[in-house]
Amino acid sequence: MSNPDLICEVRTSGGTYRDWQSVQVEQNYMSEDWNRSFRLVCAEPSAVGNLRLKPGDRVDIALAGQVVIKAGFIRDRQAAYDANRHAVQITGYGRAGLITEASINGGTGQYRGYKIDAIANSVLKPYGLKFRVQNGPDGWETPFTNVMVRMGETPFDLISRLAKQRGLFFYADVDGNLVAGPKSDGGMVQFIEGVNILAANCQLRHLAVEGLIVDAQQSGSDSLFGKKAAEVRASSAVTGGAPGAVRTILAEMPLNQREAQLRTDWEAAALQSMALQLQITYQGWLKPGVGGLWEPSDGVSVKSPMLFPTESGTEELKVAGYSYMQDTNAGTITTVDLVNKLAWEQRKPNAKENDGFYDVTTAPAKAEAVT
């Protein structure tokens, strides 16, 4: 009898498909794969003949009996055969994939005095999706003075643009709804060198700048004019960067002083994600020692003196993404992409807590006078 922890099911209204030669389901909030996607290959002669899945079909994808994509869509079907081989490949995505295709209301719209969640839920409503913020940074709920939908902008484009201005990263959950901000602290999954790590690849990067600056402007009015409207700046210090090296970013839209600080904090968090990037591969799909499937921002502890040139050889990291895979050569494996936990949250520098040259800290952004 087959091990249920090794079975991928595609559940449809017309039946359930299990005969896959190759399986890949992935998501990564730091890349274009912020949404959940899948690629499945069927090659068994009897199974290929009965595979009726086609583009547009609604599907649930379950791994080890747990649903990872609910009510997703098949986007592409590719079938090929010759005298010796035959196969069908299907690819698709979770419900949130739809918000990257069509423009908002034909490409126009305006929101005055609304918070990001209200604007996001407005443009997601036609798709039956929702947006929520969990553990957002202080100030994320600051209303936007005026948001103009840009010509041709999709719901994803707009939400992505606004999320940067509020210091938020977001991803799609199993239902396709958008979730911004990290999960609450919970159980920590432990990986230990020589115990439950099949393979690992760690990149530590020296961040070449010691400071970040965001420049912005505000819309002028009878009561707001001159430098106060035209010159808005916020900055953040990065410890360990090259002395005198500063990165300056021009904000994507008009911002006031507080908003510029939130935008700077987002840029600092993105920079943090580059300081430490680690991929760990292990056997199976479920979380080692814990069970269940992964979510972005899950906490992970990694003990590996070979990876980390520090006294403890241990780091606490956050999940940026995952890739569940299965084929006849590699078997059933999962690769998790891990980043510095500061990529999800800001904290004040504390040299006593740092245990490596790559554990770089960024100070919360502050107002900066333009010179």
Protein backbone atom coordinates (compact mmCIF):
# COMPACT_ATOMS: atom_id res chain seq x y z
CA MET A 1 0.00 0.00 0.00
CA SER A 2 1.31 3.46 -0.96
CA ASN A 3 2.52 5.78 1.80
CA PRO A 4 -0.12 8.56 2.05
CA ASP A 5 2.62 11.07 2.99
CA LEU A 6 4.11 10.63 -0.50
CA ILE A 7 0.96 11.10 -2.58
CA CYS A 8 0.04 14.22 -4.57
CA GLU A 9 -3.65 14.47 -5.36
CA VAL A 10 -5.31 16.76 -7.88
CA ARG A 11 -8.92 16.91 -6.79
CA THR A 12 -11.55 18.05 -9.29
CA SER A 13 -15.31 17.90 -9.63
CA GLY A 14 -14.81 15.01 -12.07
CA GLY A 15 -12.54 12.91 -9.87
CA THR A 16 -9.10 12.71 -8.25
CA TYR A 17 -5.79 12.18 -10.08
CA ARG A 18 -2.81 10.59 -8.34
CA ASP A 19 -0.58 9.04 -11.05
CA TRP A 20 2.20 11.62 -11.40
CA GLN A 21 5.72 10.98 -12.59
CA SER A 22 6.88 14.44 -11.54
CA VAL A 23 5.51 16.93 -8.99
CA GLN A 24 6.53 20.49 -8.19
CA VAL A 25 4.55 22.95 -6.03
CA GLU A 26 6.23 26.18 -4.98
CA GLN A 27 5.90 29.68 -3.54
CA ASN A 28 8.36 32.44 -2.60
CA TYR A 29 7.27 35.87 -1.37
CA MET A 30 10.62 37.43 -2.39
CA SER A 31 10.19 36.60 -6.09
CA GLU A 32 7.58 36.39 -8.81
CA ASP A 33 6.41 33.17 -7.13
CA TRP A 34 4.64 35.07 -4.31
CA ASN A 35 1.56 33.12 -5.45
CA ARG A 36 1.32 29.32 -5.18
CA SER A 37 1.98 27.46 -8.42
CA PHE A 38 2.29 23.87 -9.58
CA ARG A 39 3.74 21.75 -12.39
CA LEU A 40 2.74 18.10 -12.72
CA VAL A 41 3.76 15.48 -15.29
CA CYS A 42 1.88 12.26 -16.03
CA ALA A 43 3.61 9.57 -18.13
CA GLU A 44 1.90 6.25 -17.37
CA PRO A 45 0.15 5.01 -20.55
CA SER A 46 -3.12 4.13 -18.82
CA ALA A 47 -3.09 7.32 -16.75
CA VAL A 48 -2.27 9.57 -19.72
CA GLY A 49 -5.23 8.19 -21.63
CA ASN A 50 -7.58 9.02 -18.77
CA LEU A 51 -6.16 12.46 -17.95
CA ARG A 52 -8.94 14.90 -18.82
CA LEU A 53 -7.55 17.99 -17.10
CA LYS A 54 -7.51 21.09 -19.29
CA PRO A 55 -6.81 24.85 -19.02
CA GLY A 56 -9.39 26.65 -16.94
CA ASP A 57 -10.31 23.66 -14.78
CA ARG A 58 -10.63 24.38 -11.06
CA VAL A 59 -8.49 22.09 -8.90
CA ASP A 60 -7.43 21.46 -5.33
CA ILE A 61 -3.81 20.32 -4.93
CA ALA A 62 -3.13 18.15 -1.87
CA LEU A 63 0.25 16.87 -0.68
CA ALA A 64 0.39 14.14 1.97
CA GLY A 65 -3.36 14.60 2.39
CA GLN A 66 -3.13 18.34 3.13
CA VAL A 67 -4.42 20.95 0.70
CA VAL A 68 -1.73 23.41 -0.41
CA ILE A 69 -3.76 25.07 -3.20
CA LYS A 70 -7.54 25.36 -2.96
CA ALA A 71 -9.75 26.16 -5.96
CA GLY A 72 -6.74 26.92 -8.13
CA PHE A 73 -6.67 27.01 -11.92
CA ILE A 74 -4.96 24.96 -14.58
CA ARG A 75 -3.27 27.46 -16.88
CA ASP A 76 -1.49 25.27 -19.44
CA ARG A 77 -1.69 21.71 -20.70
CA GLN A 78 1.06 20.29 -22.89
CA ALA A 79 0.81 16.79 -24.36
CA ALA A 80 3.49 15.06 -26.41
CA TYR A 81 4.23 11.56 -27.68
CA ASP A 82 6.31 9.54 -30.13
CA ALA A 83 6.85 5.83 -30.71
CA ASN A 84 8.56 5.35 -27.34
CA ARG A 85 7.35 8.10 -25.05
CA HIS A 86 4.15 9.85 -24.05
CA ALA A 87 3.47 12.45 -21.41
CA VAL A 88 1.12 15.21 -20.34
CA GLN A 89 2.27 18.21 -18.34
CA ILE A 90 -0.12 20.57 -16.58
CA THR A 91 0.82 23.84 -14.90
CA GLY A 92 -1.29 26.22 -12.90
CA TYR A 93 -1.62 28.53 -9.92
CA GLY A 94 -3.72 29.40 -6.91
CA ARG A 95 -6.70 31.76 -7.21
CA ALA A 96 -4.52 34.81 -6.63
CA GLY A 97 -2.91 34.27 -10.03
CA LEU A 98 -5.95 35.91 -11.62
CA ILE A 99 -5.11 39.32 -10.15
CA THR A 100 -1.99 39.59 -12.34
CA GLU A 101 -3.90 39.38 -15.62
CA ALA A 102 -6.61 42.03 -16.02
CA SER A 103 -6.42 45.75 -15.35
CA ILE A 104 -8.44 47.42 -12.58
CA ASN A 105 -11.79 48.78 -13.79
CA GLY A 106 -10.41 49.18 -17.27
CA GLY A 107 -7.33 50.95 -15.89
CA THR A 108 -8.77 53.85 -13.90
CA GLY A 109 -9.75 54.63 -10.31
CA GLN A 110 -9.06 56.90 -7.35
CA TYR A 111 -9.05 56.41 -3.57
CA ARG A 112 -8.88 59.33 -1.12
CA GLY A 113 -8.25 58.78 2.59
CA TYR A 114 -8.39 54.97 2.55
CA LYS A 115 -6.11 52.49 4.30
CA ILE A 116 -4.22 49.88 2.30
CA ASP A 117 -6.49 47.02 3.35
CA ALA A 118 -9.61 48.91 2.25
CA ILE A 119 -8.09 49.73 -1.16
CA ALA A 120 -6.79 46.19 -1.65
CA ASN A 121 -10.12 44.61 -0.73
CA SER A 122 -11.88 46.93 -3.14
CA VAL A 123 -9.83 45.81 -6.15
CA LEU A 124 -9.89 42.16 -5.04
CA LYS A 125 -13.67 42.00 -4.57
CA PRO A 126 -14.45 41.10 -8.23
CA TYR A 127 -12.24 38.02 -7.81
CA GLY A 128 -13.81 36.89 -4.54
CA LEU A 129 -10.49 37.38 -2.73
CA LYS A 130 -9.53 39.27 0.42
CA PHE A 131 -6.50 41.10 1.84
CA ARG A 132 -5.49 41.20 5.49
CA VAL A 133 -2.55 42.45 7.53
CA GLN A 134 -1.05 40.47 10.39
CA ASN A 135 1.60 41.88 12.72
CA GLY A 136 2.16 44.89 10.49
CA PRO A 137 4.75 47.53 11.42
CA ASP A 138 3.70 50.61 13.36
CA GLY A 139 2.00 52.96 10.95
CA TRP A 140 0.89 50.43 8.34
CA GLU A 141 -2.72 51.52 8.83
CA THR A 142 -1.96 55.16 7.94
CA PRO A 143 -4.57 56.21 5.33
CA PHE A 144 -3.35 57.25 1.89
CA THR A 145 -4.15 60.85 1.06
CA ASN A 146 -4.76 60.13 -2.61
CA VAL A 147 -4.17 56.95 -4.62
CA MET A 148 -4.58 57.06 -8.39
CA VAL A 149 -4.87 53.78 -10.26
CA ARG A 150 -2.38 53.95 -13.08
CA MET A 151 -3.41 53.14 -16.63
CA GLY A 152 -3.35 49.38 -17.14
CA GLU A 153 -2.43 48.62 -13.52
CA THR A 154 -3.55 45.20 -12.31
CA PRO A 155 -4.77 44.51 -8.76
CA PHE A 156 -1.39 42.90 -8.03
CA ASP A 157 0.51 45.91 -9.39
CA LEU A 158 -1.47 48.34 -7.25
CA ILE A 159 -1.28 46.29 -4.04
CA SER A 160 2.45 45.70 -4.54
CA ARG A 161 3.05 49.43 -5.01
CA LEU A 162 1.06 50.39 -1.93
CA ALA A 163 2.55 47.63 0.25
CA LYS A 164 6.02 49.11 -0.26
CA GLN A 165 4.78 52.44 1.08
CA ARG A 166 3.57 50.76 4.28
CA GLY A 167 6.56 48.52 4.97
CA LEU A 168 4.65 45.34 4.07
CA PHE A 169 5.54 42.11 2.29
CA PHE A 170 2.67 39.86 1.24
CA TYR A 171 1.94 36.40 -0.12
CA ALA A 172 -1.04 34.25 -1.14
CA ASP A 173 -2.49 31.74 1.31
CA VAL A 174 -4.00 28.34 0.49
CA ASP A 175 -7.34 29.96 -0.48
CA GLY A 176 -5.70 32.58 -2.69
CA ASN A 177 -6.28 35.45 -0.25
CA LEU A 178 -3.42 37.91 0.26
CA VAL A 179 -1.70 38.03 3.65
CA ALA A 180 0.69 40.87 4.50
CA GLY A 181 3.13 40.72 7.39
CA PRO A 182 4.75 37.83 9.30
CA LYS A 183 2.97 35.14 11.27
CA SER A 184 2.82 35.38 15.03
CA ASP A 185 5.66 33.65 16.82
CA GLY A 186 4.96 29.94 16.95
CA GLY A 187 6.74 26.63 16.94
CA MET A 188 10.26 26.58 15.54
CA VAL A 189 11.23 23.87 13.03
CA GLN A 190 14.74 22.61 13.71
CA PHE A 191 17.30 21.56 11.10
CA ILE A 192 20.55 20.02 12.29
CA GLU A 193 23.60 19.26 10.20
CA GLY A 194 24.06 15.50 9.86
CA VAL A 195 20.55 14.75 11.16
CA ASN A 196 17.76 15.94 8.87
CA ILE A 197 19.49 18.01 6.14
CA LEU A 198 19.99 16.28 2.79
CA ALA A 199 21.61 19.29 1.13
CA ALA A 200 22.23 22.96 1.91
CA ASN A 201 23.43 26.02 0.05
CA CYS A 202 24.16 29.18 2.04
CA GLN A 203 25.12 32.60 0.69
CA LEU A 204 26.32 35.35 3.02
CA ARG A 205 26.59 38.78 1.46
CA HIS A 206 28.34 41.93 2.57
CA LEU A 207 25.85 44.77 2.19
CA ALA A 208 27.84 47.47 0.45
CA VAL A 209 25.94 50.47 1.80
CA GLU A 210 25.91 51.97 5.28
CA GLY A 211 22.75 53.97 4.74
CA LEU A 212 19.45 54.13 2.87
CA ILE A 213 17.63 57.31 1.86
CA VAL A 214 14.16 57.65 0.37
CA ASP A 215 13.27 60.92 -1.30
CA ALA A 216 9.65 61.87 -1.95
CA GLN A 217 7.30 64.79 -2.48
CA GLN A 218 3.82 65.70 -1.33
CA SER A 219 1.05 67.17 -3.39
CA GLY A 220 1.04 70.92 -2.86
CA SER A 221 -1.89 72.99 -1.66
CA ASP A 222 -2.64 76.46 -0.27
CA SER A 223 -1.48 75.28 3.15
CA LEU A 224 1.33 72.97 2.00
CA PHE A 225 3.94 74.39 -0.34
CA GLY A 226 7.64 75.06 -0.80
CA LYS A 227 10.29 72.72 0.61
CA LYS A 228 7.83 71.15 3.03
CA ALA A 229 5.91 69.74 0.07
CA ALA A 230 8.74 69.30 -2.43
CA GLU A 231 11.49 67.87 -0.22
CA VAL A 232 10.54 64.87 1.92
CA ARG A 233 13.32 62.54 3.01
CA ALA A 234 13.79 59.59 5.41
CA SER A 235 16.95 57.62 6.14
CA SER A 236 18.07 54.40 7.79
CA ALA A 237 21.53 53.37 8.97
CA VAL A 238 22.92 49.94 8.01
CA THR A 239 25.64 48.56 10.26
CA GLY A 240 28.58 46.88 8.57
CA GLY A 241 28.24 48.62 5.22
CA ALA A 242 31.01 50.39 3.35
CA PRO A 243 31.71 53.79 4.99
CA GLY A 244 30.19 56.66 3.05
CA ALA A 245 28.18 54.41 0.70
CA VAL A 246 24.51 55.36 0.63
CA ARG A 247 21.68 54.11 -1.56
CA THR A 248 19.04 56.68 -2.51
CA ILE A 249 15.59 55.64 -3.69
CA LEU A 250 12.94 57.85 -5.27
CA ALA A 251 9.50 56.96 -3.90
CA GLU A 252 7.00 55.59 -6.41
CA MET A 253 4.27 58.03 -5.36
CA PRO A 254 3.74 61.19 -3.23
CA LEU A 255 4.49 60.55 0.45
CA ASN A 256 4.49 62.57 3.64
CA GLN A 257 7.27 62.29 6.22
CA ARG A 258 5.84 59.32 8.12
CA GLU A 259 5.07 57.49 4.90
CA ALA A 260 8.62 58.05 3.66
CA GLN A 261 9.91 56.40 6.84
CA LEU A 262 7.71 53.34 6.24
CA ARG A 263 8.94 53.16 2.64
CA THR A 264 12.54 53.29 3.90
CA ASP A 265 11.86 50.48 6.37
CA TRP A 266 10.55 48.31 3.50
CA GLU A 267 13.75 48.94 1.54
CA ALA A 268 15.83 48.09 4.61
CA ALA A 269 13.95 44.81 5.06
CA ALA A 270 14.49 43.91 1.40
CA LEU A 271 18.19 44.59 1.89
CA GLN A 272 18.21 42.36 4.96
CA SER A 273 16.86 39.47 2.88
CA MET A 274 20.00 39.64 0.74
CA ALA A 275 22.43 39.44 3.68
CA LEU A 276 21.77 35.76 4.35
CA GLN A 277 20.10 33.40 1.90
CA LEU A 278 19.94 29.69 2.65
CA GLN A 279 18.36 26.75 0.85
CA ILE A 280 17.85 23.52 2.78
CA THR A 281 16.61 20.27 1.24
CA TYR A 282 15.15 17.45 3.33
CA GLN A 283 13.26 14.20 2.79
CA GLY A 284 9.47 14.34 2.50
CA TRP A 285 6.95 17.17 2.31
CA LEU A 286 5.84 17.70 5.90
CA LYS A 287 7.77 19.90 8.36
CA PRO A 288 10.39 17.81 10.20
CA GLY A 289 9.33 16.99 13.74
CA VAL A 290 6.26 19.20 13.51
CA GLY A 291 4.11 18.09 10.59
CA GLY A 292 1.99 20.27 8.36
CA LEU A 293 2.93 22.23 5.25
CA TRP A 294 4.98 25.43 5.12
CA GLU A 295 3.81 29.03 5.19
CA PRO A 296 5.98 32.05 4.35
CA SER A 297 7.51 33.59 7.51
CA ASP A 298 7.51 30.28 9.43
CA GLY A 299 10.35 30.22 11.94
CA VAL A 300 13.32 27.88 11.45
CA SER A 301 16.38 27.14 13.56
CA VAL A 302 19.42 25.82 11.70
CA LYS A 303 22.46 24.35 13.45
CA SER A 304 25.27 23.87 10.94
CA PRO A 305 28.86 24.87 11.77
CA MET A 306 29.72 24.20 8.12
CA LEU A 307 27.32 26.92 6.94
CA PHE A 308 27.80 29.61 9.57
CA PRO A 309 31.26 30.94 10.48
CA THR A 310 30.18 31.81 14.00
CA GLU A 311 30.86 30.47 17.46
CA SER A 312 27.45 28.86 17.86
CA GLY A 313 27.02 27.70 14.27
CA THR A 314 23.29 28.29 14.74
CA GLU A 315 20.88 30.81 13.23
CA GLU A 316 17.18 31.52 13.62
CA LEU A 317 15.73 32.32 10.21
CA LYS A 318 12.44 32.87 8.44
CA VAL A 319 10.92 31.01 5.50
CA ALA A 320 10.77 33.07 2.32
CA GLY A 321 9.52 30.19 0.20
CA TYR A 322 9.37 26.47 -0.41
CA SER A 323 9.40 24.00 -3.28
CA TYR A 324 7.82 20.56 -2.88
CA MET A 325 9.19 18.09 -5.43
CA GLN A 326 8.85 14.45 -6.39
CA ASP A 327 10.28 12.40 -9.26
CA THR A 328 11.68 8.95 -9.94
CA ASN A 329 15.30 10.07 -9.43
CA ALA A 330 15.23 12.35 -6.36
CA GLY A 331 12.22 10.83 -4.62
CA THR A 332 10.03 13.05 -2.43
CA ILE A 333 11.86 16.11 -1.16
CA THR A 334 11.27 19.71 -0.08
CA THR A 335 13.57 22.69 -0.44
CA VAL A 336 12.92 25.68 1.81
CA ASP A 337 14.33 29.14 1.08
CA LEU A 338 15.38 30.88 4.29
CA VAL A 339 16.36 34.49 4.91
CA ASN A 340 17.50 36.68 7.77
CA LYS A 341 14.53 37.08 10.12
CA LEU A 342 15.12 40.84 10.01
CA ALA A 343 13.73 40.73 6.47
CA TRP A 344 10.29 40.48 8.12
CA GLU A 345 10.75 42.94 10.95
CA GLN A 346 12.79 45.93 12.03
CA ARG A 347 14.73 46.08 15.28
CA LYS A 348 17.23 48.43 16.81
CA PRO A 349 20.89 47.42 16.50
CA ASN A 350 22.08 45.35 19.44
CA ALA A 351 25.67 44.22 19.16
CA LYS A 352 25.23 41.73 22.01
CA GLU A 353 22.68 39.76 19.96
CA ASN A 354 24.70 39.67 16.75
CA ASP A 355 26.64 36.45 16.23
CA GLY A 356 28.09 36.96 12.77
CA PHE A 357 29.33 39.56 10.36
CA TYR A 358 26.29 38.93 8.17
CA ASP A 359 23.75 39.52 10.96
CA VAL A 360 23.42 43.09 9.80
CA THR A 361 20.99 45.44 11.49
CA THR A 362 19.17 48.47 10.19
CA ALA A 363 17.89 51.20 12.45
CA PRO A 364 14.23 52.19 12.04
CA ALA A 365 13.96 54.96 9.47
CA LYS A 366 13.99 58.54 10.70
CA ALA A 367 13.11 61.90 9.25
CA GLU A 368 15.94 63.51 7.31
CA ALA A 369 16.31 67.11 6.27
CA VAL A 370 17.08 67.60 2.59
CA THR A 371 20.26 69.59 2.01
